[in-house]
């Protein structure tokens, strides 16, 4: 097998103070009390590792995966559900 053929890729999806208003960032952010939502992100079958970062200026999901397109769509869907917003708002 050629070197790097099945290497996981890193996917970073996020919003920040330049790309989304505070209201949107607040709706997408997670805290310790959001355990069910955190478990959904961590339970994505195509993810090997997940890091969720939420500050006052940004919300990001960093994922290690072998299925980049699938994981991007899954994260977008989870964020739309959690934030109760459509894709245009997101």
PDB file of N, CA and C in Angstrom:
ATOM      1  N   UNK A   1       0.848  -1.180   0.000  1.00  0.00           N
ATOM      2  CA  UNK A   1       0.000   0.000   0.000  1.00  0.00           C
ATOM      3  C   UNK A   1       0.891   1.240   0.000  1.00  0.00           C
ATOM      4  N   UNK A   2       0.655   2.198  -0.906  1.00  0.00           N
ATOM      5  CA  UNK A   2       1.448   3.420  -0.943  1.00  0.00           C
ATOM      6  C   UNK A   2       1.304   4.209   0.358  1.00  0.00           C
ATOM      7  N   UNK A   3       2.379   4.854   0.721  1.00  0.00           N
ATOM      8  CA  UNK A   3       2.400   5.649   1.940  1.00  0.00           C
ATOM      9  C   UNK A   3       1.333   6.738   1.900  1.00  0.00           C
ATOM     10  N   UNK A   4       0.538   6.834   2.960  1.00  0.00           N
ATOM     11  CA  UNK A   4      -0.449   7.900   3.085  1.00  0.00           C
ATOM     12  C   UNK A   4      -1.772   7.641   2.406  1.00  0.00           C
ATOM     13  N   UNK A   5      -1.961   6.452   1.808  1.00  0.00           N
ATOM     14  CA  UNK A   5      -3.192   6.185   1.078  1.00  0.00           C
ATOM     15  C   UNK A   5      -4.422   6.237   1.976  1.00  0.00           C
ATOM     16  N   UNK A   6      -4.342   5.658   3.156  1.00  0.00           N
ATOM     17  CA  UNK A   6      -5.481   5.654   4.070  1.00  0.00           C
ATOM     18  C   UNK A   6      -5.270   6.554   5.276  1.00  0.00           C
ATOM     19  N   UNK A   7      -4.486   7.557   5.128  1.00  0.00           N
ATOM     20  CA  UNK A   7      -4.239   8.480   6.231  1.00  0.00           C
ATOM     21  C   UNK A   7      -5.485   9.301   6.520  1.00  0.00           C
ATOM     22  N   UNK A   8      -5.804   9.460   7.802  1.00  0.00           N
ATOM     23  CA  UNK A   8      -6.929  10.333   8.143  1.00  0.00           C
ATOM     24  C   UNK A   8      -6.617  11.780   7.751  1.00  0.00           C
ATOM     25  N   UNK A   9      -7.652  12.507   7.416  1.00  0.00           N
ATOM     26  CA  UNK A   9      -7.517  13.926   7.102  1.00  0.00           C
ATOM     27  C   UNK A   9      -8.100  14.729   8.253  1.00  0.00           C
ATOM     28  N   UNK A  10      -7.615  15.939   8.402  1.00  0.00           N
ATOM     29  CA  UNK A  10      -8.122  16.842   9.427  1.00  0.00           C
ATOM     30  C   UNK A  10      -9.120  17.792   8.769  1.00  0.00           C
ATOM     31  N   UNK A  11     -10.295  17.892   9.359  1.00  0.00           N
ATOM     32  CA  UNK A  11     -11.335  18.803   8.885  1.00  0.00           C
ATOM     33  C   UNK A  11     -11.585  19.826   9.981  1.00  0.00           C
ATOM     34  N   UNK A  12     -11.584  21.096   9.618  1.00  0.00           N
ATOM     35  CA  UNK A  12     -11.898  22.167  10.563  1.00  0.00           C
ATOM     36  C   UNK A  12     -13.074  22.948  10.011  1.00  0.00           C
ATOM     37  N   UNK A  13     -14.172  22.939  10.750  1.00  0.00           N
ATOM     38  CA  UNK A  13     -15.343  23.736  10.388  1.00  0.00           C
ATOM     39  C   UNK A  13     -15.616  24.682  11.537  1.00  0.00           C
ATOM     40  N   UNK A  14     -15.907  25.926  11.216  1.00  0.00           N
ATOM     41  CA  UNK A  14     -16.175  26.849  12.298  1.00  0.00           C
ATOM     42  C   UNK A  14     -16.712  28.179  11.822  1.00  0.00           C
ATOM     43  N   UNK A  15     -17.112  28.948  12.797  1.00  0.00           N
ATOM     44  CA  UNK A  15     -17.550  30.320  12.576  1.00  0.00           C
ATOM     45  C   UNK A  15     -16.801  31.192  13.575  1.00  0.00           C
ATOM     46  N   UNK A  16     -16.626  32.462  13.216  1.00  0.00           N
ATOM     47  CA  UNK A  16     -15.967  33.386  14.132  1.00  0.00           C
ATOM     48  C   UNK A  16     -16.626  34.755  14.050  1.00  0.00           C
ATOM     49  N   UNK A  17     -16.066  35.714  14.770  1.00  0.00           N
ATOM     50  CA  UNK A  17     -16.672  37.043  14.833  1.00  0.00           C
ATOM     51  C   UNK A  17     -16.681  37.758  13.483  1.00  0.00           C
ATOM     52  N   UNK A  18     -15.871  37.310  12.538  1.00  0.00           N
ATOM     53  CA  UNK A  18     -15.869  37.904  11.201  1.00  0.00           C
ATOM     54  C   UNK A  18     -16.886  37.258  10.267  1.00  0.00           C
ATOM     55  N   UNK A  19     -17.270  36.014  10.557  1.00  0.00           N
ATOM     56  CA  UNK A  19     -18.130  35.284   9.626  1.00  0.00           C
ATOM     57  C   UNK A  19     -19.553  35.068  10.121  1.00  0.00           C
ATOM     58  N   UNK A  20     -19.793  35.301  11.420  1.00  0.00           N
ATOM     59  CA  UNK A  20     -21.136  35.054  11.963  1.00  0.00           C
ATOM     60  C   UNK A  20     -21.415  36.020  13.112  1.00  0.00           C
ATOM     61  N   UNK A  21     -22.645  36.516  13.189  1.00  0.00           N
ATOM     62  CA  UNK A  21     -22.996  37.396  14.304  1.00  0.00           C
ATOM     63  C   UNK A  21     -23.017  36.629  15.631  1.00  0.00           C
ATOM     64  N   UNK A  22     -22.972  37.369  16.716  1.00  0.00           N
ATOM     65  CA  UNK A  22     -22.941  36.782  18.054  1.00  0.00           C
ATOM     66  C   UNK A  22     -24.095  35.813  18.274  1.00  0.00           C
ATOM     67  N   UNK A  23     -25.294  36.158  17.816  1.00  0.00           N
ATOM     68  CA  UNK A  23     -26.461  35.289  18.009  1.00  0.00           C
ATOM     69  C   UNK A  23     -26.224  33.894  17.422  1.00  0.00           C
ATOM     70  N   UNK A  24     -25.648  33.833  16.243  1.00  0.00           N
ATOM     71  CA  UNK A  24     -25.377  32.539  15.601  1.00  0.00           C
ATOM     72  C   UNK A  24     -24.306  31.783  16.377  1.00  0.00           C
ATOM     73  N   UNK A  25     -23.235  32.460  16.766  1.00  0.00           N
ATOM     74  CA  UNK A  25     -22.165  31.798  17.529  1.00  0.00           C
ATOM     75  C   UNK A  25     -22.694  31.248  18.849  1.00  0.00           C
ATOM     76  N   UNK A  26     -23.570  31.993  19.500  1.00  0.00           N
ATOM     77  CA  UNK A  26     -24.150  31.521  20.767  1.00  0.00           C
ATOM     78  C   UNK A  26     -25.000  30.273  20.558  1.00  0.00           C
ATOM     79  N   UNK A  27     -25.738  30.224  19.468  1.00  0.00           N
ATOM     80  CA  UNK A  27     -26.604  29.072  19.207  1.00  0.00           C
ATOM     81  C   UNK A  27     -25.807  27.822  18.841  1.00  0.00           C
ATOM     82  N   UNK A  28     -24.600  28.006  18.313  1.00  0.00           N
ATOM     83  CA  UNK A  28     -23.768  26.871  17.920  1.00  0.00           C
ATOM     84  C   UNK A  28     -22.820  26.414  19.019  1.00  0.00           C
ATOM     85  N   UNK A  29     -22.592  27.252  20.004  1.00  0.00           N
ATOM     86  CA  UNK A  29     -21.613  26.909  21.041  1.00  0.00           C
ATOM     87  C   UNK A  29     -22.124  25.782  21.932  1.00  0.00           C
ATOM     88  N   UNK A  30     -21.184  25.071  22.531  1.00  0.00           N
ATOM     89  CA  UNK A  30     -21.500  23.982  23.450  1.00  0.00           C
ATOM     90  C   UNK A  30     -20.755  24.210  24.754  1.00  0.00           C
ATOM     91  N   UNK A  31     -21.337  23.744  25.831  1.00  0.00           N
ATOM     92  CA  UNK A  31     -20.677  23.804  27.133  1.00  0.00           C
ATOM     93  C   UNK A  31     -20.766  22.420  27.766  1.00  0.00           C
ATOM     94  N   UNK A  32     -20.240  22.289  28.979  1.00  0.00           N
ATOM     95  CA  UNK A  32     -20.286  20.989  29.663  1.00  0.00           C
ATOM     96  C   UNK A  32     -21.715  20.487  29.833  1.00  0.00           C
ATOM     97  N   UNK A  33     -22.655  21.401  29.968  1.00  0.00           N
ATOM     98  CA  UNK A  33     -24.049  20.992  30.171  1.00  0.00           C
ATOM     99  C   UNK A  33     -24.693  20.451  28.894  1.00  0.00           C
ATOM    100  N   UNK A  34     -24.018  20.606  27.769  1.00  0.00           N
ATOM    101  CA  UNK A  34     -24.533  20.119  26.486  1.00  0.00           C
ATOM    102  C   UNK A  34     -24.024  18.715  26.167  1.00  0.00           C
ATOM    103  N   UNK A  35     -23.966  17.856  27.174  1.00  0.00           N
ATOM    104  CA  UNK A  35     -23.424  16.507  27.005  1.00  0.00           C
ATOM    105  C   UNK A  35     -24.088  15.736  25.861  1.00  0.00           C
ATOM    106  N   UNK A  36     -25.416  15.754  25.722  1.00  0.00           N
ATOM    107  CA  UNK A  36     -26.017  15.002  24.601  1.00  0.00           C
ATOM    108  C   UNK A  36     -25.506  15.469  23.232  1.00  0.00           C
ATOM    109  N   UNK A  37     -25.385  16.775  23.047  1.00  0.00           N
ATOM    110  CA  UNK A  37     -24.887  17.286  21.767  1.00  0.00           C
ATOM    111  C   UNK A  37     -23.424  16.907  21.560  1.00  0.00           C
ATOM    112  N   UNK A  38     -22.628  16.974  22.621  1.00  0.00           N
ATOM    113  CA  UNK A  38     -21.221  16.583  22.518  1.00  0.00           C
ATOM    114  C   UNK A  38     -21.094  15.113  22.134  1.00  0.00           C
ATOM    115  N   UNK A  39     -21.965  14.276  22.701  1.00  0.00           N
ATOM    116  CA  UNK A  39     -21.934  12.845  22.371  1.00  0.00           C
ATOM    117  C   UNK A  39     -22.301  12.613  20.908  1.00  0.00           C
ATOM    118  N   UNK A  40     -23.204  13.425  20.366  1.00  0.00           N
ATOM    119  CA  UNK A  40     -23.558  13.295  18.952  1.00  0.00           C
ATOM    120  C   UNK A  40     -22.348  13.580  18.070  1.00  0.00           C
ATOM    121  N   UNK A  41     -21.618  14.662  18.383  1.00  0.00           N
ATOM    122  CA  UNK A  41     -20.425  14.986  17.604  1.00  0.00           C
ATOM    123  C   UNK A  41     -19.385  13.879  17.737  1.00  0.00           C
ATOM    124  N   UNK A  42     -19.151  13.422  18.955  1.00  0.00           N
ATOM    125  CA  UNK A  42     -18.145  12.382  19.200  1.00  0.00           C
ATOM    126  C   UNK A  42     -18.560  11.044  18.600  1.00  0.00           C
ATOM    127  N   UNK A  43     -19.861  10.836  18.415  1.00  0.00           N
ATOM    128  CA  UNK A  43     -20.358   9.566  17.911  1.00  0.00           C
ATOM    129  C   UNK A  43     -20.447   9.461  16.404  1.00  0.00           C
ATOM    130  N   UNK A  44     -20.017  10.480  15.687  1.00  0.00           N
ATOM    131  CA  UNK A  44     -20.051  10.399  14.230  1.00  0.00           C
ATOM    132  C   UNK A  44     -19.193   9.221  13.783  1.00  0.00           C
ATOM    133  N   UNK A  45     -19.790   8.303  13.063  1.00  0.00           N
ATOM    134  CA  UNK A  45     -19.101   7.051  12.712  1.00  0.00           C
ATOM    135  C   UNK A  45     -17.868   7.269  11.847  1.00  0.00           C
ATOM    136  N   UNK A  46     -17.843   8.328  11.091  1.00  0.00           N
ATOM    137  CA  UNK A  46     -16.709   8.558  10.198  1.00  0.00           C
ATOM    138  C   UNK A  46     -15.580   9.343  10.864  1.00  0.00           C
ATOM    139  N   UNK A  47     -15.723   9.653  12.155  1.00  0.00           N
ATOM    140  CA  UNK A  47     -14.701  10.412  12.882  1.00  0.00           C
ATOM    141  C   UNK A  47     -13.870   9.486  13.755  1.00  0.00           C
ATOM    142  N   UNK A  48     -12.568   9.690  13.737  1.00  0.00           N
ATOM    143  CA  UNK A  48     -11.714   8.951  14.660  1.00  0.00           C
ATOM    144  C   UNK A  48     -11.397   9.788  15.892  1.00  0.00           C
ATOM    145  N   UNK A  49     -11.385  11.106  15.742  1.00  0.00           N
ATOM    146  CA  UNK A  49     -11.160  12.015  16.863  1.00  0.00           C
ATOM    147  C   UNK A  49     -11.928  13.301  16.603  1.00  0.00           C
ATOM    148  N   UNK A  50     -12.400  13.936  17.685  1.00  0.00           N
ATOM    149  CA  UNK A  50     -13.147  15.185  17.571  1.00  0.00           C
ATOM    150  C   UNK A  50     -12.688  16.140  18.671  1.00  0.00           C
ATOM    151  N   UNK A  51     -12.444  17.396  18.285  1.00  0.00           N
ATOM    152  CA  UNK A  51     -12.161  18.459  19.248  1.00  0.00           C
ATOM    153  C   UNK A  51     -13.180  19.550  18.989  1.00  0.00           C
ATOM    154  N   UNK A  52     -13.834  19.995  20.046  1.00  0.00           N
ATOM    155  CA  UNK A  52     -14.818  21.068  19.929  1.00  0.00           C
ATOM    156  C   UNK A  52     -14.291  22.258  20.708  1.00  0.00           C
ATOM    157  N   UNK A  53     -14.178  23.415  20.058  1.00  0.00           N
ATOM    158  CA  UNK A  53     -13.660  24.625  20.691  1.00  0.00           C
ATOM    159  C   UNK A  53     -14.719  25.711  20.619  1.00  0.00           C
ATOM    160  N   UNK A  54     -15.034  26.273  21.769  1.00  0.00           N
ATOM    161  CA  UNK A  54     -16.053  27.313  21.827  1.00  0.00           C
ATOM    162  C   UNK A  54     -15.551  28.444  22.719  1.00  0.00           C
ATOM    163  N   UNK A  55     -15.382  29.625  22.130  1.00  0.00           N
ATOM    164  CA  UNK A  55     -15.008  30.816  22.890  1.00  0.00           C
ATOM    165  C   UNK A  55     -16.017  31.907  22.555  1.00  0.00           C
ATOM    166  N   UNK A  56     -15.822  33.090  23.107  1.00  0.00           N
ATOM    167  CA  UNK A  56     -16.760  34.177  22.806  1.00  0.00           C
ATOM    168  C   UNK A  56     -16.642  34.646  21.357  1.00  0.00           C
ATOM    169  N   UNK A  57     -15.503  34.400  20.720  1.00  0.00           N
ATOM    170  CA  UNK A  57     -15.292  34.872  19.356  1.00  0.00           C
ATOM    171  C   UNK A  57     -15.386  33.806  18.277  1.00  0.00           C
ATOM    172  N   UNK A  58     -15.385  32.537  18.678  1.00  0.00           N
ATOM    173  CA  UNK A  58     -15.412  31.494  17.652  1.00  0.00           C
ATOM    174  C   UNK A  58     -15.975  30.185  18.193  1.00  0.00           C
ATOM    175  N   UNK A  59     -16.473  29.384  17.261  1.00  0.00           N
ATOM    176  CA  UNK A  59     -16.938  28.031  17.547  1.00  0.00           C
ATOM    177  C   UNK A  59     -16.366  27.166  16.429  1.00  0.00           C
ATOM    178  N   UNK A  60     -15.618  26.128  16.811  1.00  0.00           N
ATOM    179  CA  UNK A  60     -14.968  25.286  15.813  1.00  0.00           C
ATOM    180  C   UNK A  60     -15.090  23.814  16.177  1.00  0.00           C
ATOM    181  N   UNK A  61     -15.158  22.991  15.145  1.00  0.00           N
ATOM    182  CA  UNK A  61     -15.102  21.541  15.303  1.00  0.00           C
ATOM    183  C   UNK A  61     -13.922  21.071  14.462  1.00  0.00           C
ATOM    184  N   UNK A  62     -13.007  20.373  15.100  1.00  0.00           N
ATOM    185  CA  UNK A  62     -11.828  19.823  14.443  1.00  0.00           C
ATOM    186  C   UNK A  62     -11.960  18.305  14.481  1.00  0.00           C
ATOM    187  N   UNK A  63     -11.891  17.669  13.313  1.00  0.00           N
ATOM    188  CA  UNK A  63     -12.183  16.242  13.211  1.00  0.00           C
ATOM    189  C   UNK A  63     -11.085  15.527  12.428  1.00  0.00           C
ATOM    190  N   UNK A  64     -10.738  14.342  12.884  1.00  0.00           N
ATOM    191  CA  UNK A  64      -9.863  13.447  12.138  1.00  0.00           C
ATOM    192  C   UNK A  64     -10.766  12.395  11.486  1.00  0.00           C
ATOM    193  N   UNK A  65     -10.641  12.236  10.160  1.00  0.00           N
ATOM    194  CA  UNK A  65     -11.565  11.358   9.442  1.00  0.00           C
ATOM    195  C   UNK A  65     -10.941  10.795   8.167  1.00  0.00           C
ATOM    196  N   UNK A  66     -11.505   9.703   7.698  1.00  0.00           N
ATOM    197  CA  UNK A  66     -11.163   9.157   6.385  1.00  0.00           C
ATOM    198  C   UNK A  66     -12.268   9.452   5.372  1.00  0.00           C
ATOM    199  N   UNK A  67     -13.330  10.103   5.815  1.00  0.00           N
ATOM    200  CA  UNK A  67     -14.494  10.405   4.965  1.00  0.00           C
ATOM    201  C   UNK A  67     -14.820  11.890   5.073  1.00  0.00           C
ATOM    202  N   UNK A  68     -13.995  12.734   4.485  1.00  0.00           N
ATOM    203  CA  UNK A  68     -14.115  14.174   4.664  1.00  0.00           C
ATOM    204  C   UNK A  68     -15.487  14.725   4.281  1.00  0.00           C
ATOM    205  N   UNK A  69     -15.983  14.395   3.105  1.00  0.00           N
ATOM    206  CA  UNK A  69     -17.261  14.952   2.657  1.00  0.00           C
ATOM    207  C   UNK A  69     -18.409  14.529   3.567  1.00  0.00           C
ATOM    208  N   UNK A  70     -18.409  13.264   3.962  1.00  0.00           N
ATOM    209  CA  UNK A  70     -19.457  12.754   4.849  1.00  0.00           C
ATOM    210  C   UNK A  70     -19.438  13.480   6.193  1.00  0.00           C
ATOM    211  N   UNK A  71     -18.251  13.680   6.728  1.00  0.00           N
ATOM    212  CA  UNK A  71     -18.131  14.322   8.035  1.00  0.00           C
ATOM    213  C   UNK A  71     -18.545  15.791   7.970  1.00  0.00           C
ATOM    214  N   UNK A  72     -18.189  16.488   6.902  1.00  0.00           N
ATOM    215  CA  UNK A  72     -18.602  17.892   6.753  1.00  0.00           C
ATOM    216  C   UNK A  72     -20.122  18.002   6.771  1.00  0.00           C
ATOM    217  N   UNK A  73     -20.786  17.152   6.008  1.00  0.00           N
ATOM    218  CA  UNK A  73     -22.249  17.188   5.957  1.00  0.00           C
ATOM    219  C   UNK A  73     -22.863  16.831   7.304  1.00  0.00           C
ATOM    220  N   UNK A  74     -22.299  15.841   7.981  1.00  0.00           N
ATOM    221  CA  UNK A  74     -22.823  15.439   9.296  1.00  0.00           C
ATOM    222  C   UNK A  74     -22.703  16.573  10.303  1.00  0.00           C
ATOM    223  N   UNK A  75     -21.568  17.252  10.310  1.00  0.00           N
ATOM    224  CA  UNK A  75     -21.372  18.362  11.250  1.00  0.00           C
ATOM    225  C   UNK A  75     -22.336  19.499  10.930  1.00  0.00           C
ATOM    226  N   UNK A  76     -22.487  19.827   9.660  1.00  0.00           N
ATOM    227  CA  UNK A  76     -23.436  20.886   9.277  1.00  0.00           C
ATOM    228  C   UNK A  76     -24.846  20.538   9.746  1.00  0.00           C
ATOM    229  N   UNK A  77     -25.259  19.283   9.546  1.00  0.00           N
ATOM    230  CA  UNK A  77     -26.600  18.859   9.974  1.00  0.00           C
ATOM    231  C   UNK A  77     -26.751  18.943  11.490  1.00  0.00           C
ATOM    232  N   UNK A  78     -25.738  18.490  12.230  1.00  0.00           N
ATOM    233  CA  UNK A  78     -25.798  18.577  13.696  1.00  0.00           C
ATOM    234  C   UNK A  78     -25.888  20.026  14.151  1.00  0.00           C
ATOM    235  N   UNK A  79     -25.101  20.902  13.530  1.00  0.00           N
ATOM    236  CA  UNK A  79     -25.150  22.317  13.898  1.00  0.00           C
ATOM    237  C   UNK A  79     -26.505  22.933  13.562  1.00  0.00           C
ATOM    238  N   UNK A  80     -27.062  22.584  12.409  1.00  0.00           N
ATOM    239  CA  UNK A  80     -28.373  23.129  12.050  1.00  0.00           C
ATOM    240  C   UNK A  80     -29.431  22.667  13.040  1.00  0.00           C
ATOM    241  N   UNK A  81     -29.373  21.399  13.448  1.00  0.00           N
ATOM    242  CA  UNK A  81     -30.322  20.882  14.444  1.00  0.00           C
ATOM    243  C   UNK A  81     -30.130  21.561  15.791  1.00  0.00           C
ATOM    244  N   UNK A  82     -28.887  21.642  16.252  1.00  0.00           N
ATOM    245  CA  UNK A  82     -28.611  22.221  17.560  1.00  0.00           C
ATOM    246  C   UNK A  82     -28.982  23.702  17.608  1.00  0.00           C
ATOM    247  N   UNK A  83     -28.598  24.429  16.560  1.00  0.00           N
ATOM    248  CA  UNK A  83     -28.863  25.863  16.520  1.00  0.00           C
ATOM    249  C   UNK A  83     -30.254  26.219  16.039  1.00  0.00           C
ATOM    250  N   UNK A  84     -31.016  25.193  15.634  1.00  0.00           N
ATOM    251  CA  UNK A  84     -32.366  25.402  15.101  1.00  0.00           C
ATOM    252  C   UNK A  84     -32.356  26.491  14.019  1.00  0.00           C
ATOM    253  N   UNK A  85     -31.493  26.273  13.038  1.00  0.00           N
ATOM    254  CA  UNK A  85     -31.383  27.234  11.945  1.00  0.00           C
ATOM    255  C   UNK A  85     -31.174  26.501  10.630  1.00  0.00           C
ATOM    256  N   UNK A  86     -31.453  27.193   9.541  1.00  0.00           N
ATOM    257  CA  UNK A  86     -31.262  26.588   8.230  1.00  0.00           C
ATOM    258  C   UNK A  86     -29.828  26.831   7.748  1.00  0.00           C
ATOM    259  N   UNK A  87     -29.494  26.219   6.623  1.00  0.00           N
ATOM    260  CA  UNK A  87     -28.128  26.298   6.122  1.00  0.00           C
ATOM    261  C   UNK A  87     -27.730  27.725   5.765  1.00  0.00           C
ATOM    262  N   UNK A  88     -28.649  28.514   5.231  1.00  0.00           N
ATOM    263  CA  UNK A  88     -28.326  29.897   4.867  1.00  0.00           C
ATOM    264  C   UNK A  88     -27.903  30.708   6.085  1.00  0.00           C
ATOM    265  N   UNK A  89     -28.598  30.502   7.209  1.00  0.00           N
ATOM    266  CA  UNK A  89     -28.248  31.215   8.433  1.00  0.00           C
ATOM    267  C   UNK A  89     -26.892  30.757   8.937  1.00  0.00           C
ATOM    268  N   UNK A  90     -26.660  29.455   8.817  1.00  0.00           N
ATOM    269  CA  UNK A  90     -25.398  28.883   9.279  1.00  0.00           C
ATOM    270  C   UNK A  90     -24.277  29.351   8.390  1.00  0.00           C
TER     271      UNK A  90
END
